[in-house]
Amino acid sequence: MNVLMLNGSPHKDGNTALALGEMRRVFEAAGIETTTLHVGKEAIRGCAACNYCASHGACVFRDAVNEAAPLFEAADGLVAASPVYYASANATLVAFLDRLFYSTSFDKTMKVGAAVAVARRGGCSATFDELNKYFTISGMPVASSQYWNSVHGRAPGEAAQDAEGLQTVRALAANMAFLMKSIALGKEAFGLPEKEEHLWTHFIR
């Protein structure tokens, strides 16, 4: 099994990476491989609403989004981790996720999702809610923990002092590992849930 982890911080070895590293150790102990992409340093522009992806199967902008798409398709779970900017996720990560989810047509049903927010002080819960919306619109179960998935620290490495925050992301990784393994067994025994044909209801006709 494999989890794709997205580091949405511009700083490769900052507090967001520290939180992901805590999760990685739990995944590896559970026999689950991890792939980490440092998204926050990339030059990622937002979606241009051109619908190129609908006919070509990939985003029109040839960057890290298209490189991540096959990794996402092969993964059993996705972790999106971001520092908090103005009570929101890093705009680079948001642009990346917008395009990654919109431009990929593969079925994401029952891939397990998890969001992690890292902040000096406030805005974690708003960022956590923002990131979870990518999963819940895509049929992806959201892994839970013992608290909302937030870690606190400002200077690089300072999050190592947040014992509760690090315990929270360790519990998150353990729950995520259990959920992915349970879903794999369920798919083997029962398959995926049947889907109705999608009904599109627009507010303006």
C-alpha atoms as a PDB file:
ATOM      1  CA  MET A   1       0.000   0.000   0.000  1.00  0.00           C
ATOM      2  CA  ASN A   2       1.112   3.556  -0.605  1.00  0.00           C
ATOM      3  CA  VAL A   3       0.284   7.002   0.734  1.00  0.00           C
ATOM      4  CA  LEU A   4       1.021  10.158  -1.250  1.00  0.00           C
ATOM      5  CA  MET A   5       1.946  13.028   1.066  1.00  0.00           C
ATOM      6  CA  LEU A   6       1.932  16.634  -0.121  1.00  0.00           C
ATOM      7  CA  ASN A   7       4.095  19.161   1.695  1.00  0.00           C
ATOM      8  CA  GLY A   8       2.448  22.508   0.990  1.00  0.00           C
ATOM      9  CA  SER A   9       5.086  24.582   2.736  1.00  0.00           C
ATOM     10  CA  PRO A  10       7.695  26.630   0.835  1.00  0.00           C
ATOM     11  CA  HIS A  11      10.218  25.357   3.387  1.00  0.00           C
ATOM     12  CA  LYS A  12      11.257  21.796   2.626  1.00  0.00           C
ATOM     13  CA  ASP A  13      12.503  21.074   6.146  1.00  0.00           C
ATOM     14  CA  GLY A  14      10.150  23.236   8.192  1.00  0.00           C
ATOM     15  CA  ASN A  15       7.429  22.367  10.670  1.00  0.00           C
ATOM     16  CA  THR A  16       5.081  20.963   8.010  1.00  0.00           C
ATOM     17  CA  ALA A  17       7.789  18.485   7.002  1.00  0.00           C
ATOM     18  CA  LEU A  18       8.301  17.635  10.664  1.00  0.00           C
ATOM     19  CA  ALA A  19       4.605  16.734  11.036  1.00  0.00           C
ATOM     20  CA  LEU A  20       4.685  14.632   7.870  1.00  0.00           C
ATOM     21  CA  GLY A  21       7.820  12.878   9.081  1.00  0.00           C
ATOM     22  CA  GLU A  22       5.992  11.861  12.248  1.00  0.00           C
ATOM     23  CA  MET A  23       3.249  10.331  10.103  1.00  0.00           C
ATOM     24  CA  ARG A  24       5.737   8.647   7.779  1.00  0.00           C
ATOM     25  CA  ARG A  25       7.288   6.689  10.636  1.00  0.00           C
ATOM     26  CA  VAL A  26       3.875   5.339  11.649  1.00  0.00           C
ATOM     27  CA  PHE A  27       3.028   4.369   8.064  1.00  0.00           C
ATOM     28  CA  GLU A  28       6.343   2.589   7.579  1.00  0.00           C
ATOM     29  CA  ALA A  29       5.905   0.677  10.848  1.00  0.00           C
ATOM     30  CA  ALA A  30       2.521  -0.471   9.481  1.00  0.00           C
ATOM     31  CA  GLY A  31       4.123  -1.700   6.263  1.00  0.00           C
ATOM     32  CA  ILE A  32       2.798   1.170   4.152  1.00  0.00           C
ATOM     33  CA  GLU A  33       5.080   2.954   1.699  1.00  0.00           C
ATOM     34  CA  THR A  34       5.053   6.732   1.409  1.00  0.00           C
ATOM     35  CA  THR A  35       5.877   9.194  -1.351  1.00  0.00           C
ATOM     36  CA  THR A  36       6.345  12.834  -0.383  1.00  0.00           C
ATOM     37  CA  LEU A  37       6.090  15.698  -2.864  1.00  0.00           C
ATOM     38  CA  HIS A  38       7.339  19.138  -1.854  1.00  0.00           C
ATOM     39  CA  VAL A  39       4.588  21.152  -3.528  1.00  0.00           C
ATOM     40  CA  GLY A  40       4.949  24.430  -1.639  1.00  0.00           C
ATOM     41  CA  LYS A  41       8.152  25.457  -3.428  1.00  0.00           C
ATOM     42  CA  GLU A  42       6.734  24.909  -6.933  1.00  0.00           C
ATOM     43  CA  ALA A  43       5.520  27.647  -9.289  1.00  0.00           C
ATOM     44  CA  ILE A  44       1.917  26.450  -9.621  1.00  0.00           C
ATOM     45  CA  ARG A  45      -0.652  28.641 -11.331  1.00  0.00           C
ATOM     46  CA  GLY A  46      -4.373  28.290 -10.748  1.00  0.00           C
ATOM     47  CA  CYS A  47      -6.901  26.540 -12.967  1.00  0.00           C
ATOM     48  CA  ALA A  48      -7.675  28.450 -16.182  1.00  0.00           C
ATOM     49  CA  ALA A  49     -11.089  26.761 -16.633  1.00  0.00           C
ATOM     50  CA  CYS A  50     -10.123  25.822 -20.202  1.00  0.00           C
ATOM     51  CA  ASN A  51     -11.367  22.186 -19.930  1.00  0.00           C
ATOM     52  CA  TYR A  52      -8.306  20.966 -21.839  1.00  0.00           C
ATOM     53  CA  CYS A  53      -8.101  18.124 -19.328  1.00  0.00           C
ATOM     54  CA  ALA A  54     -11.552  16.821 -20.304  1.00  0.00           C
ATOM     55  CA  SER A  55     -10.392  15.946 -23.815  1.00  0.00           C
ATOM     56  CA  HIS A  56      -6.700  15.266 -23.198  1.00  0.00           C
ATOM     57  CA  GLY A  57      -6.657  13.521 -19.820  1.00  0.00           C
ATOM     58  CA  ALA A  58      -4.099  15.928 -18.358  1.00  0.00           C
ATOM     59  CA  CYS A  59      -3.853  19.578 -17.378  1.00  0.00           C
ATOM     60  CA  VAL A  60      -2.823  22.042 -20.077  1.00  0.00           C
ATOM     61  CA  PHE A  61      -0.058  23.366 -17.786  1.00  0.00           C
ATOM     62  CA  ARG A  62       2.832  20.908 -17.856  1.00  0.00           C
ATOM     63  CA  ASP A  63       4.123  21.087 -14.322  1.00  0.00           C
ATOM     64  CA  ALA A  64       4.148  19.197 -11.008  1.00  0.00           C
ATOM     65  CA  VAL A  65       0.382  18.626 -11.147  1.00  0.00           C
ATOM     66  CA  ASN A  66       0.632  16.271 -14.130  1.00  0.00           C
ATOM     67  CA  GLU A  67       3.667  14.609 -12.568  1.00  0.00           C
ATOM     68  CA  ALA A  68       1.689  13.937  -9.378  1.00  0.00           C
ATOM     69  CA  ALA A  69      -1.419  12.593 -11.145  1.00  0.00           C
ATOM     70  CA  PRO A  70      -0.177   8.994 -11.687  1.00  0.00           C
ATOM     71  CA  LEU A  71       1.155   8.890  -8.117  1.00  0.00           C
ATOM     72  CA  PHE A  72      -2.252   9.948  -6.831  1.00  0.00           C
ATOM     73  CA  GLU A  73      -3.992   7.358  -8.988  1.00  0.00           C
ATOM     74  CA  ALA A  74      -1.758   4.578  -7.654  1.00  0.00           C
ATOM     75  CA  ALA A  75      -2.015   5.688  -4.011  1.00  0.00           C
ATOM     76  CA  ASP A  76      -4.361   4.238  -1.421  1.00  0.00           C
ATOM     77  CA  GLY A  77      -4.357   7.474   0.547  1.00  0.00           C
ATOM     78  CA  LEU A  78      -3.522  11.165   0.264  1.00  0.00           C
ATOM     79  CA  VAL A  79      -2.238  13.518   2.968  1.00  0.00           C
ATOM     80  CA  ALA A  80      -2.370  17.242   2.245  1.00  0.00           C
ATOM     81  CA  ALA A  81      -0.348  19.267   4.752  1.00  0.00           C
ATOM     82  CA  SER A  82      -0.069  23.037   4.746  1.00  0.00           C
ATOM     83  CA  PRO A  83       1.165  25.964   6.788  1.00  0.00           C
ATOM     84  CA  VAL A  84      -1.557  28.451   7.690  1.00  0.00           C
ATOM     85  CA  TYR A  85      -1.621  31.787   5.842  1.00  0.00           C
ATOM     86  CA  TYR A  86      -4.417  34.178   6.863  1.00  0.00           C
ATOM     87  CA  ALA A  87      -6.500  31.284   8.237  1.00  0.00           C
ATOM     88  CA  SER A  88      -6.134  29.459   4.918  1.00  0.00           C
ATOM     89  CA  ALA A  89      -3.892  26.918   3.247  1.00  0.00           C
ATOM     90  CA  ASN A  90      -0.882  28.084   1.237  1.00  0.00           C
ATOM     91  CA  ALA A  91      -2.237  29.381  -2.094  1.00  0.00           C
ATOM     92  CA  THR A  92       0.303  27.265  -3.985  1.00  0.00           C
ATOM     93  CA  LEU A  93      -1.105  24.079  -2.446  1.00  0.00           C
ATOM     94  CA  VAL A  94      -4.684  25.193  -3.111  1.00  0.00           C
ATOM     95  CA  ALA A  95      -3.905  25.827  -6.792  1.00  0.00           C
ATOM     96  CA  PHE A  96      -2.155  22.444  -6.955  1.00  0.00           C
ATOM     97  CA  LEU A  97      -5.108  20.596  -5.408  1.00  0.00           C
ATOM     98  CA  ASP A  98      -7.675  22.453  -7.533  1.00  0.00           C
ATOM     99  CA  ARG A  99      -5.963  21.337 -10.705  1.00  0.00           C
ATOM    100  CA  LEU A 100      -4.982  17.861  -9.470  1.00  0.00           C
ATOM    101  CA  PHE A 101      -8.526  16.920  -8.513  1.00  0.00           C
ATOM    102  CA  TYR A 102     -10.215  18.605 -11.481  1.00  0.00           C
ATOM    103  CA  SER A 103      -7.873  17.367 -14.203  1.00  0.00           C
ATOM    104  CA  THR A 104      -7.790  13.708 -13.139  1.00  0.00           C
ATOM    105  CA  SER A 105     -10.713  11.572 -14.271  1.00  0.00           C
ATOM    106  CA  PHE A 106      -9.801   8.347 -12.444  1.00  0.00           C
ATOM    107  CA  ASP A 107     -12.137   7.116  -9.714  1.00  0.00           C
ATOM    108  CA  LYS A 108     -11.019   8.380  -6.309  1.00  0.00           C
ATOM    109  CA  THR A 109     -13.718   6.478  -4.411  1.00  0.00           C
ATOM    110  CA  MET A 110     -12.428   4.996  -1.144  1.00  0.00           C
ATOM    111  CA  LYS A 111      -8.936   6.472  -1.366  1.00  0.00           C
ATOM    112  CA  VAL A 112      -8.417   7.734   2.182  1.00  0.00           C
ATOM    113  CA  GLY A 113      -7.764  11.436   2.674  1.00  0.00           C
ATOM    114  CA  ALA A 114      -6.256  13.391   5.553  1.00  0.00           C
ATOM    115  CA  ALA A 115      -5.440  17.065   6.045  1.00  0.00           C
ATOM    116  CA  VAL A 116      -2.852  18.573   8.390  1.00  0.00           C
ATOM    117  CA  ALA A 117      -2.549  22.266   9.262  1.00  0.00           C
ATOM    118  CA  VAL A 118       0.552  23.823  10.804  1.00  0.00           C
ATOM    119  CA  ALA A 119       0.509  27.289  12.359  1.00  0.00           C
ATOM    120  CA  ARG A 120       2.218  29.604  14.783  1.00  0.00           C
ATOM    121  CA  ARG A 121      -1.077  30.108  16.600  1.00  0.00           C
ATOM    122  CA  GLY A 122      -4.502  30.435  14.910  1.00  0.00           C
ATOM    123  CA  GLY A 123      -6.293  29.512  11.690  1.00  0.00           C
ATOM    124  CA  CYS A 124      -5.699  25.764  11.840  1.00  0.00           C
ATOM    125  CA  SER A 125      -9.350  24.702  11.990  1.00  0.00           C
ATOM    126  CA  ALA A 126     -10.295  26.881   8.984  1.00  0.00           C
ATOM    127  CA  THR A 127      -7.383  25.451   6.973  1.00  0.00           C
ATOM    128  CA  PHE A 128      -8.285  21.921   8.075  1.00  0.00           C
ATOM    129  CA  ASP A 129     -11.872  22.415   6.858  1.00  0.00           C
ATOM    130  CA  GLU A 130     -10.682  23.899   3.562  1.00  0.00           C
ATOM    131  CA  LEU A 131      -8.429  20.953   2.731  1.00  0.00           C
ATOM    132  CA  ASN A 132     -10.969  18.296   3.716  1.00  0.00           C
ATOM    133  CA  LYS A 133     -13.397  19.541   1.055  1.00  0.00           C
ATOM    134  CA  TYR A 134     -11.235  18.053  -1.711  1.00  0.00           C
ATOM    135  CA  PHE A 135     -11.764  14.605  -0.233  1.00  0.00           C
ATOM    136  CA  THR A 136     -15.454  14.823   0.539  1.00  0.00           C
ATOM    137  CA  ILE A 137     -16.405  15.880  -2.994  1.00  0.00           C
ATOM    138  CA  SER A 138     -14.508  12.896  -4.417  1.00  0.00           C
ATOM    139  CA  GLY A 139     -15.914   9.913  -2.518  1.00  0.00           C
ATOM    140  CA  MET A 140     -12.801   9.729  -0.339  1.00  0.00           C
ATOM    141  CA  PRO A 141     -13.257   8.720   3.323  1.00  0.00           C
ATOM    142  CA  VAL A 142     -11.596  11.192   5.684  1.00  0.00           C
ATOM    143  CA  ALA A 143      -9.375   9.723   8.392  1.00  0.00           C
ATOM    144  CA  SER A 144      -9.878  11.074  11.903  1.00  0.00           C
ATOM    145  CA  SER A 145      -7.613  11.448  14.911  1.00  0.00           C
ATOM    146  CA  GLN A 146      -7.871  12.287  18.620  1.00  0.00           C
ATOM    147  CA  TYR A 147      -8.167  16.018  17.846  1.00  0.00           C
ATOM    148  CA  TRP A 148      -8.282  18.235  14.783  1.00  0.00           C
ATOM    149  CA  ASN A 149      -5.110  17.647  12.797  1.00  0.00           C
ATOM    150  CA  SER A 150      -3.086  20.687  13.770  1.00  0.00           C
ATOM    151  CA  VAL A 151       0.510  21.181  14.841  1.00  0.00           C
ATOM    152  CA  HIS A 152       1.941  24.411  16.214  1.00  0.00           C
ATOM    153  CA  GLY A 153       5.333  25.981  15.682  1.00  0.00           C
ATOM    154  CA  ARG A 154       6.814  29.088  14.091  1.00  0.00           C
ATOM    155  CA  ALA A 155      10.595  28.756  13.779  1.00  0.00           C
ATOM    156  CA  PRO A 156      11.858  25.692  11.872  1.00  0.00           C
ATOM    157  CA  GLY A 157      11.825  22.671  14.186  1.00  0.00           C
ATOM    158  CA  GLU A 158       9.752  24.415  16.839  1.00  0.00           C
ATOM    159  CA  ALA A 159       6.832  22.033  16.228  1.00  0.00           C
ATOM    160  CA  ALA A 160       8.918  19.312  17.886  1.00  0.00           C
ATOM    161  CA  GLN A 161       7.862  20.925  21.175  1.00  0.00           C
ATOM    162  CA  ASP A 162       4.157  20.430  20.417  1.00  0.00           C
ATOM    163  CA  ALA A 163       3.798  17.010  22.025  1.00  0.00           C
ATOM    164  CA  GLU A 164       0.014  16.912  21.651  1.00  0.00           C
ATOM    165  CA  GLY A 165       0.114  18.018  18.017  1.00  0.00           C
ATOM    166  CA  LEU A 166       2.645  15.352  17.088  1.00  0.00           C
ATOM    167  CA  GLN A 167       0.671  12.712  18.973  1.00  0.00           C
ATOM    168  CA  THR A 168      -2.401  13.828  17.029  1.00  0.00           C
ATOM    169  CA  VAL A 169      -0.741  13.267  13.650  1.00  0.00           C
ATOM    170  CA  ARG A 170       0.666   9.921  14.805  1.00  0.00           C
ATOM    171  CA  ALA A 171      -2.855   8.836  15.783  1.00  0.00           C
ATOM    172  CA  LEU A 172      -4.053  10.148  12.425  1.00  0.00           C
ATOM    173  CA  ALA A 173      -1.519   8.007  10.556  1.00  0.00           C
ATOM    174  CA  ALA A 174      -2.386   4.921  12.619  1.00  0.00           C
ATOM    175  CA  ASN A 175      -6.115   5.397  11.976  1.00  0.00           C
ATOM    176  CA  MET A 176      -5.458   6.066   8.301  1.00  0.00           C
ATOM    177  CA  ALA A 177      -3.395   2.881   7.992  1.00  0.00           C
ATOM    178  CA  PHE A 178      -6.154   0.837   9.620  1.00  0.00           C
ATOM    179  CA  LEU A 179      -8.804   2.422   7.404  1.00  0.00           C
ATOM    180  CA  MET A 180      -6.852   1.806   4.188  1.00  0.00           C
ATOM    181  CA  LYS A 181      -6.244  -1.834   5.095  1.00  0.00           C
ATOM    182  CA  SER A 182      -9.890  -2.316   6.073  1.00  0.00           C
ATOM    183  CA  ILE A 183     -11.086  -0.761   2.807  1.00  0.00           C
ATOM    184  CA  ALA A 184      -8.745  -3.020   0.842  1.00  0.00           C
ATOM    185  CA  LEU A 185     -10.294  -6.066   2.530  1.00  0.00           C
ATOM    186  CA  GLY A 186     -13.783  -4.700   1.938  1.00  0.00           C
ATOM    187  CA  LYS A 187     -13.095  -4.072  -1.744  1.00  0.00           C
ATOM    188  CA  GLU A 188     -11.794  -7.604  -2.071  1.00  0.00           C
ATOM    189  CA  ALA A 189     -14.892  -9.077  -0.432  1.00  0.00           C
ATOM    190  CA  PHE A 190     -17.623  -6.723  -1.627  1.00  0.00           C
ATOM    191  CA  GLY A 191     -16.213  -4.440  -4.323  1.00  0.00           C
ATOM    192  CA  LEU A 192     -16.881  -0.709  -4.442  1.00  0.00           C
ATOM    193  CA  PRO A 193     -20.363   0.742  -3.833  1.00  0.00           C
ATOM    194  CA  GLU A 194     -22.536   0.925  -6.932  1.00  0.00           C
ATOM    195  CA  LYS A 195     -23.006   4.440  -8.255  1.00  0.00           C
ATOM    196  CA  GLU A 196     -26.056   6.027  -9.765  1.00  0.00           C
ATOM    197  CA  GLU A 197     -25.703   8.034 -12.945  1.00  0.00           C
ATOM    198  CA  HIS A 198     -24.699  11.530 -11.898  1.00  0.00           C
ATOM    199  CA  LEU A 199     -27.584  14.010 -11.917  1.00  0.00           C
ATOM    200  CA  TRP A 200     -26.511  17.574 -12.697  1.00  0.00           C
ATOM    201  CA  THR A 201     -28.839  20.224 -11.347  1.00  0.00           C
ATOM    202  CA  HIS A 202     -27.869  23.788 -12.179  1.00  0.00           C
ATOM    203  CA  PHE A 203     -29.188  26.866 -10.414  1.00  0.00           C
ATOM    204  CA  ILE A 204     -29.577  28.788 -13.686  1.00  0.00           C
ATOM    205  CA  ARG A 205     -31.390  26.998 -16.509  1.00  0.00           C
END
